[in-house]
Amino acid sequence: METSMHYPFIYFFYDTNQVLVYRIQALEYITIADVMREGEWQGYELEPSESFTAFHHEQSTPQQGWSFFMGQEELYQLVKNY
């Protein structure tokens, strides 16, 4: 999973055109449960011509009513990157 840091946010390139944005709330060790239970998440859809490396969520509108599914390995990767 490709990631990008724009402190205090971490961007995760998820699927072909989805970006998950996680707001960092603390600079201490966290677990997968912390990320899922207490995390501030927003989902965005990349425009067809937009690249992940150039994406900044402040210039986009978050998706409403969205959800996502991740396996244990992907969740581990999220926590490891945080």
Protein backbone atom coordinates (compact mmCIF):
# COMPACT_ATOMS: atom_id res chain seq x y z
CA MET A 1 0.00 0.00 0.00
CA GLU A 2 1.48 3.31 -1.06
CA THR A 3 1.56 6.04 1.60
CA SER A 4 2.33 9.72 1.79
CA MET A 5 2.80 11.96 4.84
CA HIS A 6 1.38 15.48 5.07
CA TYR A 7 1.63 15.99 8.83
CA PRO A 8 -0.65 15.70 10.75
CA PHE A 9 -2.21 13.48 8.08
CA ILE A 10 -1.14 10.20 6.52
CA TYR A 11 -2.51 9.34 3.09
CA PHE A 12 -3.03 5.71 2.09
CA PHE A 13 -3.55 4.89 -1.57
CA TYR A 14 -6.26 2.25 -1.36
CA ASP A 15 -7.68 0.55 -4.41
CA THR A 16 -7.37 2.08 -7.86
CA ASN A 17 -8.67 5.57 -7.10
CA GLN A 18 -9.36 5.74 -3.36
CA VAL A 19 -7.31 7.66 -0.80
CA LEU A 20 -7.82 7.11 2.92
CA VAL A 21 -6.74 10.04 5.07
CA TYR A 22 -5.89 9.45 8.73
CA ARG A 23 -5.35 12.35 11.13
CA ILE A 24 -2.51 11.74 13.58
CA GLN A 25 -3.70 12.49 17.10
CA ALA A 26 -0.75 11.40 19.24
CA LEU A 27 2.94 10.69 18.82
CA GLU A 28 2.95 7.52 20.88
CA TYR A 29 2.67 3.81 20.20
CA ILE A 30 -0.75 2.74 18.94
CA THR A 31 -2.42 -0.56 18.13
CA ILE A 32 -4.75 -1.65 15.34
CA ALA A 33 -7.65 -1.30 17.77
CA ASP A 34 -6.66 2.34 18.43
CA VAL A 35 -6.61 3.13 14.72
CA MET A 36 -10.02 1.59 14.11
CA ARG A 37 -11.78 2.74 17.29
CA GLU A 38 -10.40 6.24 17.81
CA GLY A 39 -9.01 7.25 14.45
CA GLU A 40 -10.23 10.17 12.40
CA TRP A 41 -10.65 8.84 8.88
CA GLN A 42 -11.87 10.43 5.68
CA GLY A 43 -12.15 8.88 2.24
CA TYR A 44 -11.50 10.62 -1.06
CA GLU A 45 -11.78 9.62 -4.67
CA LEU A 46 -9.00 10.61 -7.05
CA GLU A 47 -9.99 12.25 -10.30
CA PRO A 48 -8.94 10.18 -13.36
CA SER A 49 -6.14 12.60 -14.20
CA GLU A 50 -4.99 13.12 -10.60
CA SER A 51 -1.96 11.26 -9.25
CA PHE A 52 -1.67 10.01 -5.69
CA THR A 53 1.68 11.75 -5.19
CA ALA A 54 0.14 15.14 -6.03
CA PHE A 55 -3.04 14.62 -3.99
CA HIS A 56 -3.86 16.98 -1.08
CA HIS A 57 -7.15 16.42 0.71
CA GLU A 58 -7.66 20.13 1.45
CA GLN A 59 -8.35 20.63 -2.26
CA SER A 60 -10.98 17.86 -2.44
CA THR A 61 -14.36 17.04 -0.95
CA PRO A 62 -14.51 13.92 1.24
CA GLN A 63 -16.87 11.13 0.27
CA GLN A 64 -20.04 10.89 2.32
CA GLY A 65 -21.39 7.59 3.62
CA TRP A 66 -18.33 5.62 2.59
CA SER A 67 -16.82 2.49 4.08
CA PHE A 68 -13.84 0.28 3.37
CA PHE A 69 -12.69 -3.25 4.08
CA MET A 70 -9.12 -4.26 4.89
CA GLY A 71 -7.51 -7.52 5.75
CA GLN A 72 -5.31 -8.00 8.80
CA GLU A 73 -2.08 -7.50 6.81
CA GLU A 74 -3.29 -4.18 5.40
CA LEU A 75 -4.32 -3.00 8.87
CA TYR A 76 -0.90 -3.97 10.17
CA GLN A 77 0.68 -1.91 7.38
CA LEU A 78 -1.42 1.12 8.39
CA VAL A 79 -0.31 0.90 12.01
CA LYS A 80 3.30 0.28 11.04
CA ASN A 81 3.32 3.42 8.88
CA TYR A 82 1.79 5.48 11.66
